[in-house]
Amino acid sequence: MTSWFTYLGLDYGWAWFIATIIDILVIALPLMLAVAMIIYADRKIWAAMALRRGPNVVGPLGLLQSFADGLKVFLQETIIPSAANKGLFLIAPIITFTVALIVWAVVPFQAGVVLANINVGLLYVLAASSLGVYGIIIAGWASNSKYPFYSALRAAAQMVSYEVSIGFVLISVVLWAGSFNLSTIVEAQRGYAWGWINGNFINPLLFPMAVVFFISSLAETQRAPFDLTEAESELVAGYQTEYSSMSFALYWLGEYANVILMCALNAVLFWGGYLPPLNVGWMYAVPGIIWLFAKILFFFFLFSWVKATVPRYRYDQLMRLGWKIFLPLSLIFVFVVSGYLMWMRVGIPS
């Protein structure tokens, strides 16, 4: 691609800049389409579990329903409460939506196919994903309404609580793989199909942490049964109560983009990422990106399944699970994994 830019008379700096922009669009545009389709899939899964039809009118099989909803909110009037802080009120959904996109820069779609293959990719994921709560906190504060403000406080406490246990879970993964680079973490799972199965052997060190990470992902994305920030029984619509039109749509898109991201991280960190599910020759002929997308869809089905079947937790139950169960459990497994790796390296003294 650089040779084409050189042929057009552009120097290396401009060629690199334009090539990077193209790479970003190649990731961002399909992701936006995937968000629209995943919303449709979410509604169809809920409908099937409730013995309903779901979207089936707009477009063939209802496939255009998400686009119709997007057009509807686009044509609505943007209403800003008179007592709101207008600057913060408008910037909050932009923060949420942007943060949901920038984390994809370090996700490996296939061997060697990643926008930014940095050595501290996992730390980048933690840092960028932690910024998402600011969009919710700012929205609750800027709305100047008590229900969004209560929701923002809940979101802050909830994300802090579960990010602590997620941090210890990721320490276990880093110890096992010996790197913060996501591509290296995937390659470290080669030979362990989906990260924890090797033939008939089940690795007990990573599988419990995979379960903890999956449940914590539900809490991080405010999905049921942890959707206390949008508890309509006590908080109306939560932090987005005062939002309308495209401001509301950005929260809508950001939420589902975060869900897809968490599904991708579950696949990459514990289930082999772009690697095939079994060490079978013909499976390696399938492009790795297909396996990654298949695993993302599987985890998204689990997300929808949980939302359709599990009742919402009380807030004290949410905090108890995060601080009294997941935090000690993840901390214990840090010692277990590090002790096992040391034992494997040094051996049992005679």
Protein backbone atom coordinates (compact mmCIF):
# COMPACT_ATOMS: atom_id res chain seq x y z
CA MET A 1 0.00 0.00 0.00
CA THR A 2 2.90 2.35 0.75
CA SER A 3 4.21 1.94 -2.81
CA TRP A 4 0.89 3.24 -4.17
CA PHE A 5 1.12 6.33 -1.94
CA THR A 6 4.71 6.87 -3.06
CA TYR A 7 3.57 6.62 -6.66
CA LEU A 8 1.02 9.36 -5.93
CA GLY A 9 3.78 11.59 -4.61
CA LEU A 10 3.09 11.23 -0.85
CA ASP A 11 5.98 10.85 1.58
CA TYR A 12 6.24 8.04 4.13
CA GLY A 13 4.61 10.03 6.96
CA TRP A 14 1.46 10.79 4.98
CA ALA A 15 1.37 7.24 3.61
CA TRP A 16 1.54 5.82 7.15
CA PHE A 17 -1.16 8.22 8.38
CA ILE A 18 -3.60 7.45 5.55
CA ALA A 19 -2.95 3.70 5.82
CA THR A 20 -3.69 3.87 9.57
CA ILE A 21 -6.94 5.76 8.95
CA ILE A 22 -7.97 3.10 6.44
CA ASP A 23 -7.17 0.34 8.95
CA ILE A 24 -9.27 2.11 11.59
CA LEU A 25 -12.23 2.40 9.21
CA VAL A 26 -11.88 -1.27 8.24
CA ILE A 27 -12.44 -2.12 11.92
CA ALA A 28 -14.91 0.62 12.93
CA LEU A 29 -17.39 0.43 10.03
CA PRO A 30 -17.99 -3.36 10.21
CA LEU A 31 -18.23 -2.99 13.99
CA MET A 32 -21.05 -0.46 13.62
CA LEU A 33 -22.86 -2.85 11.26
CA ALA A 34 -22.24 -5.67 13.74
CA VAL A 35 -23.76 -3.59 16.55
CA ALA A 36 -26.95 -3.11 14.50
CA MET A 37 -27.17 -6.82 13.74
CA ILE A 38 -26.34 -7.84 17.30
CA ILE A 39 -29.21 -5.70 18.62
CA TYR A 40 -31.51 -7.56 16.22
CA ALA A 41 -30.10 -10.91 17.37
CA ASP A 42 -30.51 -9.90 21.01
CA ARG A 43 -34.20 -9.11 20.52
CA LYS A 44 -34.80 -12.32 18.57
CA ILE A 45 -33.17 -14.43 21.28
CA TRP A 46 -35.27 -12.77 24.00
CA ALA A 47 -38.39 -13.29 21.91
CA ALA A 48 -37.63 -16.97 21.32
CA MET A 49 -37.09 -17.58 25.02
CA ALA A 50 -40.38 -15.81 25.83
CA LEU A 51 -42.22 -17.67 23.01
CA ARG A 52 -42.69 -14.46 20.99
CA ARG A 53 -41.76 -13.58 17.41
CA GLY A 54 -39.56 -10.55 17.94
CA PRO A 55 -38.74 -8.15 15.04
CA ASN A 56 -40.29 -9.59 11.87
CA VAL A 57 -41.87 -6.73 9.89
CA VAL A 58 -39.21 -4.23 8.78
CA GLY A 59 -37.19 -5.86 6.02
CA PRO A 60 -36.83 -9.60 5.33
CA LEU A 61 -37.23 -11.47 8.64
CA GLY A 62 -37.10 -8.09 10.40
CA LEU A 63 -33.38 -7.61 9.63
CA LEU A 64 -33.80 -3.86 9.04
CA GLN A 65 -35.51 -3.18 12.39
CA SER A 66 -32.32 -1.82 14.00
CA PHE A 67 -31.79 0.59 11.09
CA ALA A 68 -35.41 1.74 11.35
CA ASP A 69 -34.94 2.39 15.07
CA GLY A 70 -31.75 4.32 14.31
CA LEU A 71 -33.55 6.45 11.72
CA LYS A 72 -36.33 7.12 14.21
CA VAL A 73 -34.01 8.47 16.91
CA PHE A 74 -32.04 10.43 14.29
CA LEU A 75 -35.19 12.30 13.25
CA GLN A 76 -36.19 13.10 16.82
CA GLU A 77 -35.48 16.45 18.42
CA THR A 78 -32.50 16.68 20.76
CA ILE A 79 -33.84 17.99 24.07
CA ILE A 80 -31.44 19.41 26.65
CA PRO A 81 -32.92 20.11 30.11
CA SER A 82 -32.80 23.79 30.98
CA ALA A 83 -30.98 23.14 34.27
CA ALA A 84 -28.43 20.74 32.74
CA ASN A 85 -24.77 21.50 32.18
CA LYS A 86 -25.00 21.61 28.39
CA GLY A 87 -21.34 21.01 27.60
CA LEU A 88 -20.97 17.97 29.83
CA PHE A 89 -24.45 16.76 28.92
CA LEU A 90 -23.50 16.54 25.23
CA ILE A 91 -19.98 15.19 25.67
CA ALA A 92 -20.95 12.30 28.00
CA PRO A 93 -22.47 9.97 25.33
CA ILE A 94 -19.55 10.76 23.00
CA ILE A 95 -17.13 9.52 25.67
CA THR A 96 -19.07 6.28 26.14
CA PHE A 97 -19.28 5.61 22.42
CA THR A 98 -15.64 6.49 21.69
CA VAL A 99 -14.22 4.39 24.52
CA ALA A 100 -16.21 1.41 23.24
CA LEU A 101 -14.36 1.70 19.90
CA ILE A 102 -10.77 2.48 20.85
CA VAL A 103 -10.20 -0.78 22.75
CA TRP A 104 -10.56 -2.74 19.49
CA ALA A 105 -7.19 -1.33 18.40
CA VAL A 106 -5.32 -4.12 20.28
CA VAL A 107 -7.69 -7.06 19.66
CA PRO A 108 -6.01 -9.64 17.36
CA PHE A 109 -8.43 -10.83 14.67
CA GLN A 110 -5.99 -13.34 13.23
CA ALA A 111 -2.29 -14.15 13.48
CA GLY A 112 -0.58 -10.87 12.60
CA VAL A 113 -3.88 -9.05 11.94
CA VAL A 114 -4.16 -6.38 14.64
CA LEU A 115 -4.23 -2.59 14.39
CA ALA A 116 -1.74 -1.96 17.23
CA ASN A 117 0.27 -4.99 18.33
CA ILE A 118 1.68 -3.32 21.45
CA ASN A 119 3.45 -5.21 24.23
CA VAL A 120 1.16 -3.80 26.93
CA GLY A 121 -2.10 -4.51 25.09
CA LEU A 122 -3.83 -5.91 28.17
CA LEU A 123 -2.96 -2.82 30.22
CA TYR A 124 -4.31 -0.68 27.37
CA VAL A 125 -7.58 -2.63 27.50
CA LEU A 126 -7.86 -2.09 31.26
CA ALA A 127 -7.05 1.62 31.01
CA ALA A 128 -9.36 2.35 28.08
CA SER A 129 -12.31 0.27 29.30
CA SER A 130 -12.08 1.94 32.73
CA LEU A 131 -12.76 5.29 31.05
CA GLY A 132 -16.23 4.14 30.03
CA VAL A 133 -17.64 4.85 33.47
CA TYR A 134 -16.84 8.55 33.04
CA GLY A 135 -19.48 8.83 30.32
CA ILE A 136 -22.08 7.52 32.75
CA ILE A 137 -20.89 9.58 35.74
CA ILE A 138 -20.78 12.78 33.69
CA ALA A 139 -24.26 12.07 32.29
CA GLY A 140 -25.68 11.60 35.77
CA TRP A 141 -24.06 14.79 37.07
CA ALA A 142 -24.77 16.97 34.02
CA SER A 143 -28.47 15.99 33.83
CA ASN A 144 -29.10 17.77 37.18
CA SER A 145 -31.73 15.16 38.02
CA LYS A 146 -31.76 12.87 41.02
CA TYR A 147 -32.49 9.60 39.22
CA PRO A 148 -29.60 9.88 36.70
CA PHE A 149 -27.35 11.00 39.57
CA TYR A 150 -28.22 7.95 41.68
CA SER A 151 -27.61 5.76 38.63
CA ALA A 152 -24.19 7.36 38.08
CA LEU A 153 -23.21 6.63 41.69
CA ARG A 154 -24.32 3.03 41.28
CA ALA A 155 -22.34 2.69 38.05
CA ALA A 156 -19.17 4.05 39.67
CA ALA A 157 -19.42 1.68 42.65
CA GLN A 158 -20.32 -1.28 40.43
CA MET A 159 -17.48 -0.84 37.95
CA VAL A 160 -14.88 -0.21 40.64
CA SER A 161 -16.02 -3.32 42.53
CA TYR A 162 -15.78 -5.69 39.60
CA GLU A 163 -12.68 -4.19 38.00
CA VAL A 164 -10.72 -5.19 41.10
CA SER A 165 -11.57 -8.88 40.64
CA ILE A 166 -11.11 -8.60 36.85
CA GLY A 167 -7.62 -7.23 37.50
CA PHE A 168 -6.65 -10.27 39.57
CA VAL A 169 -8.17 -12.58 36.96
CA LEU A 170 -6.05 -10.95 34.28
CA ILE A 171 -2.96 -11.31 36.48
CA SER A 172 -3.55 -15.07 36.38
CA VAL A 173 -3.72 -14.93 32.58
CA VAL A 174 -0.54 -12.85 32.36
CA LEU A 175 1.29 -15.27 34.66
CA TRP A 176 0.21 -18.21 32.52
CA ALA A 177 1.08 -16.58 29.17
CA GLY A 178 4.10 -14.60 30.38
CA SER A 179 3.07 -11.47 28.44
CA PHE A 180 0.66 -8.53 28.33
CA ASN A 181 0.46 -8.76 24.53
CA LEU A 182 -2.93 -10.13 23.44
CA SER A 183 -1.49 -11.94 20.41
CA THR A 184 1.06 -13.64 22.64
CA ILE A 185 -1.69 -14.61 25.08
CA VAL A 186 -3.61 -16.26 22.25
CA GLU A 187 -0.53 -18.10 20.99
CA ALA A 188 0.22 -19.28 24.54
CA GLN A 189 -3.09 -21.16 24.38
CA ARG A 190 -2.07 -23.09 21.25
CA GLY A 191 -2.26 -26.74 22.18
CA TYR A 192 -4.89 -25.94 24.82
CA ALA A 193 -8.05 -25.93 22.75
CA TRP A 194 -10.09 -22.89 23.80
CA GLY A 195 -7.50 -22.17 26.44
CA TRP A 196 -8.21 -24.96 28.93
CA ILE A 197 -8.80 -28.28 27.16
CA ASN A 198 -5.87 -30.37 25.95
CA GLY A 199 -7.24 -33.67 24.71
CA ASN A 200 -9.01 -35.19 27.69
CA PHE A 201 -7.17 -32.97 30.17
CA ILE A 202 -8.99 -30.03 31.75
CA ASN A 203 -6.78 -27.33 33.23
CA PRO A 204 -8.42 -26.32 36.54
CA LEU A 205 -6.26 -23.20 36.83
CA LEU A 206 -7.83 -21.11 34.06
CA PHE A 207 -11.38 -22.43 33.76
CA PRO A 208 -12.65 -21.04 37.12
CA MET A 209 -11.14 -17.67 36.23
CA ALA A 210 -12.88 -17.83 32.84
CA VAL A 211 -16.21 -18.21 34.65
CA VAL A 212 -15.42 -15.32 37.01
CA PHE A 213 -14.37 -13.13 34.07
CA PHE A 214 -17.56 -13.92 32.15
CA ILE A 215 -19.81 -13.01 35.10
CA SER A 216 -17.73 -9.90 35.80
CA SER A 217 -18.17 -8.95 32.13
CA LEU A 218 -21.91 -8.87 32.69
CA ALA A 219 -21.41 -6.47 35.60
CA GLU A 220 -18.89 -4.33 33.68
CA THR A 221 -21.33 -3.80 30.80
CA GLN A 222 -24.35 -3.31 33.12
CA ARG A 223 -26.12 -6.28 31.59
CA ALA A 224 -28.75 -8.33 33.40
CA PRO A 225 -28.76 -9.51 36.12
CA PHE A 226 -26.46 -6.60 37.03
CA ASP A 227 -28.32 -3.78 35.23
CA LEU A 228 -28.82 -1.80 38.42
CA THR A 229 -27.88 1.45 36.65
CA GLU A 230 -31.01 1.16 34.48
CA ALA A 231 -33.37 -0.33 37.08
CA GLU A 232 -36.66 1.07 35.80
CA SER A 233 -38.51 0.07 38.98
CA GLU A 234 -36.59 2.64 41.04
CA LEU A 235 -34.52 4.81 38.67
CA VAL A 236 -36.85 5.32 35.67
CA ALA A 237 -34.27 4.82 32.86
CA GLY A 238 -31.19 5.51 34.96
CA TYR A 239 -28.36 7.74 33.76
CA GLN A 240 -29.95 8.20 30.31
CA THR A 241 -33.37 9.33 31.55
CA GLU A 242 -32.93 12.89 30.26
CA TYR A 243 -31.40 11.89 26.91
CA SER A 244 -33.15 11.79 23.54
CA SER A 245 -32.42 11.57 19.82
CA MET A 246 -28.80 10.78 18.80
CA SER A 247 -27.47 11.37 22.32
CA PHE A 248 -29.55 8.42 23.49
CA ALA A 249 -28.54 6.44 20.39
CA LEU A 250 -24.83 6.88 21.22
CA TYR A 251 -25.41 5.28 24.63
CA TRP A 252 -27.38 2.56 22.93
CA LEU A 253 -24.59 1.85 20.43
CA GLY A 254 -21.86 2.17 23.06
CA GLU A 255 -23.55 -0.37 25.32
CA TYR A 256 -23.71 -3.02 22.61
CA ALA A 257 -20.21 -2.22 21.34
CA ASN A 258 -18.98 -2.84 24.90
CA VAL A 259 -20.89 -6.12 25.01
CA ILE A 260 -19.26 -7.29 21.77
CA LEU A 261 -15.87 -6.20 23.12
CA MET A 262 -16.33 -8.22 26.31
CA CYS A 263 -17.36 -11.23 24.25
CA ALA A 264 -14.17 -10.80 22.20
CA LEU A 265 -12.03 -10.51 25.36
CA ASN A 266 -13.60 -13.67 26.79
CA ALA A 267 -12.67 -15.47 23.56
CA VAL A 268 -9.15 -14.02 23.35
CA LEU A 269 -8.10 -14.41 26.98
CA PHE A 270 -9.50 -17.85 27.79
CA TRP A 271 -10.86 -19.58 24.71
CA GLY A 272 -8.12 -19.40 22.14
CA GLY A 273 -9.15 -16.25 20.25
CA TYR A 274 -8.61 -16.86 16.56
CA LEU A 275 -7.32 -20.42 17.14
CA PRO A 276 -9.61 -23.31 16.16
CA PRO A 277 -11.51 -25.04 18.97
CA LEU A 278 -9.70 -28.37 18.56
CA ASN A 279 -6.24 -29.38 17.43
CA VAL A 280 -7.52 -30.94 14.22
CA GLY A 281 -5.75 -30.35 10.92
CA TRP A 282 -8.71 -29.30 8.79
CA MET A 283 -9.78 -26.69 11.35
CA TYR A 284 -6.59 -24.74 10.75
CA ALA A 285 -7.61 -24.32 7.11
CA VAL A 286 -10.49 -22.09 8.27
CA PRO A 287 -9.38 -18.43 8.64
CA GLY A 288 -8.77 -17.47 12.27
CA ILE A 289 -11.10 -14.48 12.05
CA ILE A 290 -14.00 -16.89 11.39
CA TRP A 291 -13.22 -18.82 14.59
CA LEU A 292 -12.98 -15.54 16.55
CA PHE A 293 -16.35 -14.34 15.26
CA ALA A 294 -17.92 -17.72 16.01
CA LYS A 295 -16.72 -17.55 19.61
CA ILE A 296 -17.91 -13.93 19.94
CA LEU A 297 -21.37 -14.99 18.74
CA PHE A 298 -21.38 -17.90 21.21
CA PHE A 299 -20.60 -15.62 24.14
CA PHE A 300 -23.14 -13.07 22.96
CA PHE A 301 -25.75 -15.82 22.97
CA LEU A 302 -24.79 -16.52 26.61
CA PHE A 303 -25.15 -12.79 27.39
CA SER A 304 -28.66 -12.76 25.88
CA TRP A 305 -29.57 -16.07 27.52
CA VAL A 306 -28.66 -14.70 30.96
CA LYS A 307 -30.63 -11.49 30.35
CA ALA A 308 -33.72 -13.40 29.26
CA THR A 309 -33.72 -15.88 32.16
CA VAL A 310 -31.98 -14.49 35.29
CA PRO A 311 -33.82 -11.96 37.49
CA ARG A 312 -32.11 -8.72 38.49
CA TYR A 313 -29.94 -8.77 41.61
CA ARG A 314 -30.50 -6.47 44.54
CA TYR A 315 -27.72 -3.95 45.02
CA ASP A 316 -26.46 -5.57 48.22
CA GLN A 317 -26.28 -8.92 46.40
CA LEU A 318 -24.28 -7.27 43.62
CA MET A 319 -21.73 -5.83 46.05
CA ARG A 320 -21.55 -9.06 48.05
CA LEU A 321 -20.76 -11.10 44.94
CA GLY A 322 -18.03 -8.70 43.85
CA TRP A 323 -16.27 -8.08 47.17
CA LYS A 324 -16.91 -11.22 49.23
CA ILE A 325 -16.79 -13.93 46.56
CA PHE A 326 -15.04 -12.87 43.36
CA LEU A 327 -12.29 -10.78 44.95
CA PRO A 328 -11.05 -13.47 47.41
CA LEU A 329 -11.48 -16.20 44.78
CA SER A 330 -9.49 -14.36 42.11
CA LEU A 331 -6.79 -13.43 44.62
CA ILE A 332 -6.47 -17.07 45.73
CA PHE A 333 -6.08 -18.19 42.12
CA VAL A 334 -3.25 -15.70 41.59
CA PHE A 335 -1.33 -17.59 44.29
CA VAL A 336 -2.44 -20.97 42.92
CA VAL A 337 -1.35 -20.18 39.35
CA SER A 338 1.95 -18.60 40.40
CA GLY A 339 2.66 -21.54 42.73
CA TYR A 340 1.86 -24.06 40.00
CA LEU A 341 4.12 -22.30 37.49
CA MET A 342 6.95 -22.13 40.01
CA TRP A 343 6.50 -25.83 40.77
CA MET A 344 6.62 -26.65 37.06
CA ARG A 345 9.78 -24.56 36.61
CA VAL A 346 11.72 -25.69 39.69
CA GLY A 347 10.19 -29.10 40.34
CA ILE A 348 9.59 -30.84 43.65
CA PRO A 349 12.78 -30.98 45.74
CA SER A 350 13.90 -34.51 46.56
